[in-house]
């Protein structure tokens, strides 16, 4: 539903509209976002962005498209089916949903 509301691009107005439509407490979201910053300054280091940047360095997934499954980076031409197949193959015991899909 949110994709329908924010079809062209995600803006503040679109986000607020989606949050209200889904009856989500925006204070919880604001607090979550605020907690990702190291200090009270919005220009301070953001822990989430720093973690993503470190993962880009560690796994080399700054090239798109890419996905990391169990610490192994897959990149290049991917389809949803390729990714689903890789996720299913990563399990020691294949889940029922994977068997049904195959």
PDB file of N, CA and C in Angstrom:
ATOM      1  N   UNK A   1       0.813  -1.188   0.000  1.00  0.00           N
ATOM      2  CA  UNK A   1       0.000   0.000   0.000  1.00  0.00           C
ATOM      3  C   UNK A   1       0.861   1.258   0.000  1.00  0.00           C
ATOM      4  N   UNK A   2       1.950   1.233   0.769  1.00  0.00           N
ATOM      5  CA  UNK A   2       2.824   2.400   0.820  1.00  0.00           C
ATOM      6  C   UNK A   2       3.426   2.667  -0.556  1.00  0.00           C
ATOM      7  N   UNK A   3       3.737   1.610  -1.291  1.00  0.00           N
ATOM      8  CA  UNK A   3       4.286   1.784  -2.631  1.00  0.00           C
ATOM      9  C   UNK A   3       3.282   2.496  -3.544  1.00  0.00           C
ATOM     10  N   UNK A   4       2.017   2.248  -3.314  1.00  0.00           N
ATOM     11  CA  UNK A   4       1.005   2.945  -4.104  1.00  0.00           C
ATOM     12  C   UNK A   4       0.955   4.419  -3.725  1.00  0.00           C
ATOM     13  N   UNK A   5       1.104   4.716  -2.428  1.00  0.00           N
ATOM     14  CA  UNK A   5       1.069   6.105  -1.972  1.00  0.00           C
ATOM     15  C   UNK A   5       2.307   6.877  -2.426  1.00  0.00           C
ATOM     16  N   UNK A   6       3.436   6.209  -2.463  1.00  0.00           N
ATOM     17  CA  UNK A   6       4.722   6.846  -2.783  1.00  0.00           C
ATOM     18  C   UNK A   6       5.252   6.311  -4.101  1.00  0.00           C
ATOM     19  N   UNK A   7       4.427   6.283  -5.093  1.00  0.00           N
ATOM     20  CA  UNK A   7       4.767   5.633  -6.359  1.00  0.00           C
ATOM     21  C   UNK A   7       6.004   6.222  -7.026  1.00  0.00           C
ATOM     22  N   UNK A   8       6.070   7.539  -7.157  1.00  0.00           N
ATOM     23  CA  UNK A   8       7.164   8.156  -7.906  1.00  0.00           C
ATOM     24  C   UNK A   8       8.445   8.276  -7.093  1.00  0.00           C
ATOM     25  N   UNK A   9       8.339   8.765  -5.879  1.00  0.00           N
ATOM     26  CA  UNK A   9       9.495   8.859  -4.999  1.00  0.00           C
ATOM     27  C   UNK A   9       9.030   9.091  -3.574  1.00  0.00           C
ATOM     28  N   UNK A  10       9.889   8.759  -2.643  1.00  0.00           N
ATOM     29  CA  UNK A  10       9.542   8.894  -1.236  1.00  0.00           C
ATOM     30  C   UNK A  10       9.921  10.298  -0.781  1.00  0.00           C
ATOM     31  N   UNK A  11       8.923  11.032  -0.324  1.00  0.00           N
ATOM     32  CA  UNK A  11       9.123  12.385   0.195  1.00  0.00           C
ATOM     33  C   UNK A  11       8.650  12.410   1.645  1.00  0.00           C
ATOM     34  N   UNK A  12       8.903  13.507   2.322  1.00  0.00           N
ATOM     35  CA  UNK A  12       8.431  13.639   3.706  1.00  0.00           C
ATOM     36  C   UNK A  12       6.915  13.578   3.737  1.00  0.00           C
ATOM     37  N   UNK A  13       6.257  14.308   2.829  1.00  0.00           N
ATOM     38  CA  UNK A  13       4.787  14.300   2.799  1.00  0.00           C
ATOM     39  C   UNK A  13       4.244  12.899   2.542  1.00  0.00           C
ATOM     40  N   UNK A  14       4.874  12.199   1.616  1.00  0.00           N
ATOM     41  CA  UNK A  14       4.451  10.842   1.293  1.00  0.00           C
ATOM     42  C   UNK A  14       4.625   9.929   2.510  1.00  0.00           C
ATOM     43  N   UNK A  15       5.757  10.061   3.190  1.00  0.00           N
ATOM     44  CA  UNK A  15       6.024   9.235   4.366  1.00  0.00           C
ATOM     45  C   UNK A  15       5.015   9.507   5.471  1.00  0.00           C
ATOM     46  N   UNK A  16       4.737  10.785   5.716  1.00  0.00           N
ATOM     47  CA  UNK A  16       3.767  11.154   6.748  1.00  0.00           C
ATOM     48  C   UNK A  16       2.396  10.592   6.399  1.00  0.00           C
ATOM     49  N   UNK A  17       2.013  10.712   5.149  1.00  0.00           N
ATOM     50  CA  UNK A  17       0.722  10.182   4.701  1.00  0.00           C
ATOM     51  C   UNK A  17       0.656   8.669   4.897  1.00  0.00           C
ATOM     52  N   UNK A  18       1.735   7.959   4.542  1.00  0.00           N
ATOM     53  CA  UNK A  18       1.766   6.504   4.699  1.00  0.00           C
ATOM     54  C   UNK A  18       1.688   6.112   6.168  1.00  0.00           C
ATOM     55  N   UNK A  19       2.427   6.817   7.014  1.00  0.00           N
ATOM     56  CA  UNK A  19       2.425   6.525   8.456  1.00  0.00           C
ATOM     57  C   UNK A  19       1.036   6.717   9.031  1.00  0.00           C
ATOM     58  N   UNK A  20       0.391   7.815   8.646  1.00  0.00           N
ATOM     59  CA  UNK A  20      -0.967   8.076   9.145  1.00  0.00           C
ATOM     60  C   UNK A  20      -1.963   7.044   8.612  1.00  0.00           C
ATOM     61  N   UNK A  21      -1.829   6.684   7.335  1.00  0.00           N
ATOM     62  CA  UNK A  21      -2.732   5.701   6.726  1.00  0.00           C
ATOM     63  C   UNK A  21      -2.608   4.341   7.402  1.00  0.00           C
ATOM     64  N   UNK A  22      -1.372   3.980   7.769  1.00  0.00           N
ATOM     65  CA  UNK A  22      -1.130   2.693   8.419  1.00  0.00           C
ATOM     66  C   UNK A  22      -1.339   2.751   9.926  1.00  0.00           C
ATOM     67  N   UNK A  23      -1.701   3.944  10.417  1.00  0.00           N
ATOM     68  CA  UNK A  23      -1.971   4.144  11.847  1.00  0.00           C
ATOM     69  C   UNK A  23      -0.759   3.766  12.713  1.00  0.00           C
ATOM     70  N   UNK A  24       0.413   4.247  12.293  1.00  0.00           N
ATOM     71  CA  UNK A  24       1.658   3.988  13.013  1.00  0.00           C
ATOM     72  C   UNK A  24       1.991   5.207  13.853  1.00  0.00           C
ATOM     73  N   UNK A  25       2.485   4.975  15.051  1.00  0.00           N
ATOM     74  CA  UNK A  25       2.884   6.062  15.939  1.00  0.00           C
ATOM     75  C   UNK A  25       4.196   6.657  15.432  1.00  0.00           C
ATOM     76  N   UNK A  26       4.131   7.865  14.896  1.00  0.00           N
ATOM     77  CA  UNK A  26       5.320   8.489  14.309  1.00  0.00           C
ATOM     78  C   UNK A  26       6.374   8.822  15.355  1.00  0.00           C
ATOM     79  N   UNK A  27       5.969   8.984  16.619  1.00  0.00           N
ATOM     80  CA  UNK A  27       6.946   9.260  17.681  1.00  0.00           C
ATOM     81  C   UNK A  27       7.932   8.103  17.834  1.00  0.00           C
ATOM     82  N   UNK A  28       7.456   6.875  17.660  1.00  0.00           N
ATOM     83  CA  UNK A  28       8.319   5.696  17.753  1.00  0.00           C
ATOM     84  C   UNK A  28       9.350   5.711  16.632  1.00  0.00           C
ATOM     85  N   UNK A  29       8.922   6.059  15.432  1.00  0.00           N
ATOM     86  CA  UNK A  29       9.833   6.126  14.287  1.00  0.00           C
ATOM     87  C   UNK A  29      10.858   7.234  14.500  1.00  0.00           C
ATOM     88  N   UNK A  30      10.389   8.416  14.932  1.00  0.00           N
ATOM     89  CA  UNK A  30      11.303   9.534  15.165  1.00  0.00           C
ATOM     90  C   UNK A  30      12.354   9.181  16.209  1.00  0.00           C
ATOM     91  N   UNK A  31      11.934   8.519  17.275  1.00  0.00           N
ATOM     92  CA  UNK A  31      12.878   8.128  18.326  1.00  0.00           C
ATOM     93  C   UNK A  31      13.896   7.117  17.785  1.00  0.00           C
ATOM     94  N   UNK A  32      13.434   6.174  16.978  1.00  0.00           N
ATOM     95  CA  UNK A  32      14.321   5.172  16.379  1.00  0.00           C
ATOM     96  C   UNK A  32      15.378   5.850  15.514  1.00  0.00           C
ATOM     97  N   UNK A  33      14.957   6.793  14.676  1.00  0.00           N
ATOM     98  CA  UNK A  33      15.894   7.515  13.815  1.00  0.00           C
ATOM     99  C   UNK A  33      16.866   8.327  14.661  1.00  0.00           C
ATOM    100  N   UNK A  34      16.351   9.037  15.656  1.00  0.00           N
ATOM    101  CA  UNK A  34      17.214   9.838  16.530  1.00  0.00           C
ATOM    102  C   UNK A  34      18.277   8.986  17.209  1.00  0.00           C
ATOM    103  N   UNK A  35      17.923   7.760  17.576  1.00  0.00           N
ATOM    104  CA  UNK A  35      18.857   6.871  18.270  1.00  0.00           C
ATOM    105  C   UNK A  35      19.983   6.356  17.380  1.00  0.00           C
ATOM    106  N   UNK A  36      19.889   6.574  16.075  1.00  0.00           N
ATOM    107  CA  UNK A  36      20.957   6.120  15.182  1.00  0.00           C
ATOM    108  C   UNK A  36      22.114   7.108  15.121  1.00  0.00           C
ATOM    109  N   UNK A  37      21.937   8.292  15.673  1.00  0.00           N
ATOM    110  CA  UNK A  37      22.984   9.301  15.652  1.00  0.00           C
ATOM    111  C   UNK A  37      23.800   9.247  16.930  1.00  0.00           C
ATOM    112  N   UNK A  38      25.105   9.446  16.792  1.00  0.00           N
ATOM    113  CA  UNK A  38      26.019   9.340  17.932  1.00  0.00           C
ATOM    114  C   UNK A  38      25.817  10.476  18.924  1.00  0.00           C
ATOM    115  N   UNK A  39      25.429  11.625  18.469  1.00  0.00           N
ATOM    116  CA  UNK A  39      25.249  12.772  19.354  1.00  0.00           C
ATOM    117  C   UNK A  39      23.903  13.404  19.121  1.00  0.00           C
ATOM    118  N   UNK A  40      23.739  14.572  19.683  1.00  0.00           N
ATOM    119  CA  UNK A  40      22.466  15.267  19.511  1.00  0.00           C
ATOM    120  C   UNK A  40      22.438  16.095  18.237  1.00  0.00           C
ATOM    121  N   UNK A  41      23.578  16.210  17.591  1.00  0.00           N
ATOM    122  CA  UNK A  41      23.701  16.980  16.367  1.00  0.00           C
ATOM    123  C   UNK A  41      23.344  16.096  15.176  1.00  0.00           C
ATOM    124  N   UNK A  42      22.409  16.540  14.324  1.00  0.00           N
ATOM    125  CA  UNK A  42      21.994  15.742  13.171  1.00  0.00           C
ATOM    126  C   UNK A  42      23.106  15.576  12.149  1.00  0.00           C
ATOM    127  N   UNK A  43      24.161  16.362  12.281  1.00  0.00           N
ATOM    128  CA  UNK A  43      25.283  16.202  11.371  1.00  0.00           C
ATOM    129  C   UNK A  43      26.349  15.294  11.965  1.00  0.00           C
ATOM    130  N   UNK A  44      26.068  14.748  13.152  1.00  0.00           N
ATOM    131  CA  UNK A  44      27.012  13.826  13.793  1.00  0.00           C
ATOM    132  C   UNK A  44      27.002  12.497  13.059  1.00  0.00           C
ATOM    133  N   UNK A  45      27.943  11.655  13.409  1.00  0.00           N
ATOM    134  CA  UNK A  45      28.067  10.354  12.766  1.00  0.00           C
ATOM    135  C   UNK A  45      26.830   9.498  13.010  1.00  0.00           C
ATOM    136  N   UNK A  46      26.292   8.936  11.952  1.00  0.00           N
ATOM    137  CA  UNK A  46      25.120   8.079  12.047  1.00  0.00           C
ATOM    138  C   UNK A  46      25.580   6.625  12.083  1.00  0.00           C
ATOM    139  N   UNK A  47      25.185   5.897  13.121  1.00  0.00           N
ATOM    140  CA  UNK A  47      25.636   4.514  13.311  1.00  0.00           C
ATOM    141  C   UNK A  47      25.188   3.591  12.180  1.00  0.00           C
ATOM    142  N   UNK A  48      23.992   3.796  11.670  1.00  0.00           N
ATOM    143  CA  UNK A  48      23.476   2.943  10.599  1.00  0.00           C
ATOM    144  C   UNK A  48      24.280   3.169   9.321  1.00  0.00           C
ATOM    145  N   UNK A  49      24.501   4.433   8.973  1.00  0.00           N
ATOM    146  CA  UNK A  49      25.275   4.726   7.761  1.00  0.00           C
ATOM    147  C   UNK A  49      26.706   4.235   7.901  1.00  0.00           C
ATOM    148  N   UNK A  50      27.285   4.391   9.086  1.00  0.00           N
ATOM    149  CA  UNK A  50      28.654   3.913   9.311  1.00  0.00           C
ATOM    150  C   UNK A  50      28.737   2.402   9.152  1.00  0.00           C
ATOM    151  N   UNK A  51      27.734   1.697   9.677  1.00  0.00           N
ATOM    152  CA  UNK A  51      27.706   0.237   9.559  1.00  0.00           C
ATOM    153  C   UNK A  51      27.582  -0.180   8.093  1.00  0.00           C
ATOM    154  N   UNK A  52      26.709   0.493   7.342  1.00  0.00           N
ATOM    155  CA  UNK A  52      26.569   0.185   5.924  1.00  0.00           C
ATOM    156  C   UNK A  52      27.880   0.420   5.182  1.00  0.00           C
ATOM    157  N   UNK A  53      28.544   1.534   5.495  1.00  0.00           N
ATOM    158  CA  UNK A  53      29.812   1.847   4.826  1.00  0.00           C
ATOM    159  C   UNK A  53      30.855   0.777   5.121  1.00  0.00           C
ATOM    160  N   UNK A  54      30.891   0.294   6.360  1.00  0.00           N
ATOM    161  CA  UNK A  54      31.848  -0.754   6.719  1.00  0.00           C
ATOM    162  C   UNK A  54      31.515  -2.061   6.006  1.00  0.00           C
ATOM    163  N   UNK A  55      30.234  -2.383   5.900  1.00  0.00           N
ATOM    164  CA  UNK A  55      29.826  -3.592   5.178  1.00  0.00           C
ATOM    165  C   UNK A  55      30.187  -3.480   3.706  1.00  0.00           C
ATOM    166  N   UNK A  56      30.052  -2.310   3.139  1.00  0.00           N
ATOM    167  CA  UNK A  56      30.447  -2.122   1.741  1.00  0.00           C
ATOM    168  C   UNK A  56      31.916  -2.454   1.562  1.00  0.00           C
ATOM    169  N   UNK A  57      32.741  -2.001   2.508  1.00  0.00           N
ATOM    170  CA  UNK A  57      34.175  -2.290   2.433  1.00  0.00           C
ATOM    171  C   UNK A  57      34.444  -3.781   2.634  1.00  0.00           C
ATOM    172  N   UNK A  58      33.803  -4.370   3.636  1.00  0.00           N
ATOM    173  CA  UNK A  58      34.064  -5.774   3.979  1.00  0.00           C
ATOM    174  C   UNK A  58      33.599  -6.746   2.900  1.00  0.00           C
ATOM    175  N   UNK A  59      32.408  -6.523   2.377  1.00  0.00           N
ATOM    176  CA  UNK A  59      31.806  -7.495   1.461  1.00  0.00           C
ATOM    177  C   UNK A  59      31.862  -7.085  -0.001  1.00  0.00           C
ATOM    178  N   UNK A  60      32.259  -5.869  -0.265  1.00  0.00           N
ATOM    179  CA  UNK A  60      32.328  -5.413  -1.654  1.00  0.00           C
ATOM    180  C   UNK A  60      30.973  -5.308  -2.311  1.00  0.00           C
ATOM    181  N   UNK A  61      29.943  -5.020  -1.523  1.00  0.00           N
ATOM    182  CA  UNK A  61      28.622  -4.952  -2.141  1.00  0.00           C
ATOM    183  C   UNK A  61      28.218  -3.518  -2.474  1.00  0.00           C
ATOM    184  N   UNK A  62      29.234  -2.693  -2.736  1.00  0.00           N
ATOM    185  CA  UNK A  62      28.929  -1.358  -3.217  1.00  0.00           C
ATOM    186  C   UNK A  62      28.601  -1.381  -4.713  1.00  0.00           C
ATOM    187  N   UNK A  63      28.806  -2.512  -5.334  1.00  0.00           N
ATOM    188  CA  UNK A  63      28.408  -2.682  -6.721  1.00  0.00           C
ATOM    189  C   UNK A  63      26.985  -3.233  -6.740  1.00  0.00           C
ATOM    190  N   UNK A  64      26.134  -2.626  -7.546  1.00  0.00           N
ATOM    191  CA  UNK A  64      24.738  -3.019  -7.551  1.00  0.00           C
ATOM    192  C   UNK A  64      24.420  -3.773  -8.812  1.00  0.00           C
ATOM    193  N   UNK A  65      23.471  -4.651  -8.814  1.00  0.00           N
ATOM    194  CA  UNK A  65      22.803  -5.159  -7.621  1.00  0.00           C
ATOM    195  C   UNK A  65      23.675  -6.187  -6.915  1.00  0.00           C
ATOM    196  N   UNK A  66      23.491  -6.292  -5.616  1.00  0.00           N
ATOM    197  CA  UNK A  66      24.207  -7.300  -4.842  1.00  0.00           C
ATOM    198  C   UNK A  66      23.388  -7.669  -3.619  1.00  0.00           C
ATOM    199  N   UNK A  67      23.643  -8.857  -3.134  1.00  0.00           N
ATOM    200  CA  UNK A  67      22.984  -9.336  -1.922  1.00  0.00           C
ATOM    201  C   UNK A  67      24.003 -10.195  -1.178  1.00  0.00           C
ATOM    202  N   UNK A  68      23.958 -10.124   0.154  1.00  0.00           N
ATOM    203  CA  UNK A  68      24.871 -10.925   0.968  1.00  0.00           C
ATOM    204  C   UNK A  68      24.058 -11.994   1.676  1.00  0.00           C
ATOM    205  N   UNK A  69      24.475 -13.235   1.500  1.00  0.00           N
ATOM    206  CA  UNK A  69      23.813 -14.361   2.151  1.00  0.00           C
ATOM    207  C   UNK A  69      24.877 -15.145   2.887  1.00  0.00           C
ATOM    208  N   UNK A  70      24.735 -15.212   4.200  1.00  0.00           N
ATOM    209  CA  UNK A  70      25.704 -15.912   5.049  1.00  0.00           C
ATOM    210  C   UNK A  70      27.138 -15.446   4.805  1.00  0.00           C
ATOM    211  N   UNK A  71      27.303 -14.142   4.670  1.00  0.00           N
ATOM    212  CA  UNK A  71      28.629 -13.574   4.518  1.00  0.00           C
ATOM    213  C   UNK A  71      29.228 -13.680   3.129  1.00  0.00           C
ATOM    214  N   UNK A  72      28.485 -14.220   2.184  1.00  0.00           N
ATOM    215  CA  UNK A  72      28.983 -14.345   0.813  1.00  0.00           C
ATOM    216  C   UNK A  72      28.212 -13.365  -0.080  1.00  0.00           C
ATOM    217  N   UNK A  73      28.957 -12.581  -0.846  1.00  0.00           N
ATOM    218  CA  UNK A  73      28.339 -11.574  -1.693  1.00  0.00           C
ATOM    219  C   UNK A  73      28.024 -12.146  -3.073  1.00  0.00           C
ATOM    220  N   UNK A  74      26.783 -11.965  -3.480  1.00  0.00           N
ATOM    221  CA  UNK A  74      26.338 -12.322  -4.821  1.00  0.00           C
ATOM    222  C   UNK A  74      26.035 -11.012  -5.546  1.00  0.00           C
ATOM    223  N   UNK A  75      26.555 -10.857  -6.753  1.00  0.00           N
ATOM    224  CA  UNK A  75      26.282  -9.634  -7.486  1.00  0.00           C
ATOM    225  C   UNK A  75      26.223  -9.929  -8.977  1.00  0.00           C
ATOM    226  N   UNK A  76      25.701  -8.971  -9.669  1.00  0.00           N
ATOM    227  CA  UNK A  76      25.562  -9.129 -11.109  1.00  0.00           C
ATOM    228  C   UNK A  76      24.103  -9.177 -11.507  1.00  0.00           C
ATOM    229  N   UNK A  77      23.837  -9.899 -12.560  1.00  0.00           N
ATOM    230  CA  UNK A  77      22.455 -10.013 -13.027  1.00  0.00           C
ATOM    231  C   UNK A  77      21.686 -10.926 -12.086  1.00  0.00           C
ATOM    232  N   UNK A  78      20.713 -10.363 -11.411  1.00  0.00           N
ATOM    233  CA  UNK A  78      19.907 -11.141 -10.474  1.00  0.00           C
ATOM    234  C   UNK A  78      18.439 -10.929 -10.757  1.00  0.00           C
ATOM    235  N   UNK A  79      17.697 -11.972 -10.490  1.00  0.00           N
ATOM    236  CA  UNK A  79      16.241 -11.892 -10.534  1.00  0.00           C
ATOM    237  C   UNK A  79      15.744 -12.284  -9.153  1.00  0.00           C
ATOM    238  N   UNK A  80      14.513 -11.976  -8.832  1.00  0.00           N
ATOM    239  CA  UNK A  80      13.976 -12.434  -7.549  1.00  0.00           C
ATOM    240  C   UNK A  80      14.093 -13.952  -7.380  1.00  0.00           C
ATOM    241  N   UNK A  81      13.916 -14.686  -8.466  1.00  0.00           N
ATOM    242  CA  UNK A  81      14.031 -16.143  -8.388  1.00  0.00           C
ATOM    243  C   UNK A  81      15.454 -16.579  -8.043  1.00  0.00           C
ATOM    244  N   UNK A  82      16.473 -15.902  -8.641  1.00  0.00           N
ATOM    245  CA  UNK A  82      17.866 -16.237  -8.331  1.00  0.00           C
ATOM    246  C   UNK A  82      18.157 -16.022  -6.848  1.00  0.00           C
ATOM    247  N   UNK A  83      17.701 -14.894  -6.331  1.00  0.00           N
ATOM    248  CA  UNK A  83      17.964 -14.565  -4.928  1.00  0.00           C
ATOM    249  C   UNK A  83      17.243 -15.550  -4.013  1.00  0.00           C
ATOM    250  N   UNK A  84      15.988 -15.843  -4.326  1.00  0.00           N
ATOM    251  CA  UNK A  84      15.232 -16.796  -3.507  1.00  0.00           C
ATOM    252  C   UNK A  84      15.904 -18.157  -3.508  1.00  0.00           C
ATOM    253  N   UNK A  85      16.366 -18.582  -4.658  1.00  0.00           N
ATOM    254  CA  UNK A  85      17.059 -19.865  -4.771  1.00  0.00           C
ATOM    255  C   UNK A  85      18.342 -19.864  -3.929  1.00  0.00           C
ATOM    256  N   UNK A  86      19.089 -18.767  -3.949  1.00  0.00           N
ATOM    257  CA  UNK A  86      20.325 -18.673  -3.157  1.00  0.00           C
ATOM    258  C   UNK A  86      20.023 -18.683  -1.666  1.00  0.00           C
ATOM    259  N   UNK A  87      18.958 -18.004  -1.259  1.00  0.00           N
ATOM    260  CA  UNK A  87      18.568 -18.001   0.157  1.00  0.00           C
ATOM    261  C   UNK A  87      18.177 -19.415   0.577  1.00  0.00           C
ATOM    262  N   UNK A  88      17.379 -20.089  -0.227  1.00  0.00           N
ATOM    263  CA  UNK A  88      16.966 -21.461   0.101  1.00  0.00           C
ATOM    264  C   UNK A  88      18.169 -22.397   0.178  1.00  0.00           C
ATOM    265  N   UNK A  89      19.130 -22.229  -0.727  1.00  0.00           N
ATOM    266  CA  UNK A  89      20.306 -23.091  -0.741  1.00  0.00           C
ATOM    267  C   UNK A  89      21.208 -22.862   0.468  1.00  0.00           C
ATOM    268  N   UNK A  90      21.069 -21.718   1.128  1.00  0.00           N
ATOM    269  CA  UNK A  90      21.928 -21.395   2.271  1.00  0.00           C
ATOM    270  C   UNK A  90      21.520 -22.134   3.547  1.00  0.00           C
ATOM    271  N   UNK A  91      20.328 -22.696   3.575  1.00  0.00           N
ATOM    272  CA  UNK A  91      19.861 -23.410   4.769  1.00  0.00           C
ATOM    273  C   UNK A  91      20.443 -24.818   4.828  1.00  0.00           C
ATOM    274  N   UNK A  92      20.783 -25.257   6.050  1.00  0.00           N
ATOM    275  CA  UNK A  92      21.198 -26.646   6.235  1.00  0.00           C
ATOM    276  C   UNK A  92      20.006 -27.569   6.014  1.00  0.00           C
ATOM    277  N   UNK A  93      18.879 -27.194   6.591  1.00  0.00           N
ATOM    278  CA  UNK A  93      17.628 -27.928   6.398  1.00  0.00           C
ATOM    279  C   UNK A  93      16.685 -26.999   5.656  1.00  0.00           C
ATOM    280  N   UNK A  94      16.355 -27.365   4.460  1.00  0.00           N
ATOM    281  CA  UNK A  94      15.560 -26.490   3.611  1.00  0.00           C
ATOM    282  C   UNK A  94      14.156 -26.287   4.178  1.00  0.00           C
ATOM    283  N   UNK A  95      13.719 -25.038   4.315  1.00  0.00           N
ATOM    284  CA  UNK A  95      12.366 -24.767   4.814  1.00  0.00           C
ATOM    285  C   UNK A  95      11.294 -25.256   3.849  1.00  0.00           C
ATOM    286  N   UNK A  96      10.130 -25.481   4.386  1.00  0.00           N
ATOM    287  CA  UNK A  96       8.999 -25.972   3.603  1.00  0.00           C
ATOM    288  C   UNK A  96       8.686 -25.031   2.438  1.00  0.00           C
ATOM    289  N   UNK A  97       8.763 -23.718   2.681  1.00  0.00           N
ATOM    290  CA  UNK A  97       8.437 -22.745   1.636  1.00  0.00           C
ATOM    291  C   UNK A  97       9.370 -22.898   0.433  1.00  0.00           C
ATOM    292  N   UNK A  98      10.613 -23.261   0.672  1.00  0.00           N
ATOM    293  CA  UNK A  98      11.560 -23.446  -0.427  1.00  0.00           C
ATOM    294  C   UNK A  98      11.183 -24.665  -1.254  1.00  0.00           C
ATOM    295  N   UNK A  99      10.793 -25.720  -0.577  1.00  0.00           N
ATOM    296  CA  UNK A  99      10.398 -26.936  -1.305  1.00  0.00           C
ATOM    297  C   UNK A  99       9.173 -26.689  -2.148  1.00  0.00           C
ATOM    298  N   UNK A 100       8.200 -25.962  -1.586  1.00  0.00           N
ATOM    299  CA  UNK A 100       6.976 -25.655  -2.314  1.00  0.00           C
ATOM    300  C   UNK A 100       7.307 -24.819  -3.539  1.00  0.00           C
ATOM    301  N   UNK A 101       8.205 -23.839  -3.384  1.00  0.00           N
ATOM    302  CA  UNK A 101       8.576 -22.958  -4.492  1.00  0.00           C
ATOM    303  C   UNK A 101       9.239 -23.729  -5.626  1.00  0.00           C
ATOM    304  N   UNK A 102      10.094 -24.681  -5.267  1.00  0.00           N
ATOM    305  CA  UNK A 102      10.813 -25.450  -6.275  1.00  0.00           C
ATOM    306  C   UNK A 102       9.870 -26.375  -6.999  1.00  0.00           C
TER     307      UNK A 102
END
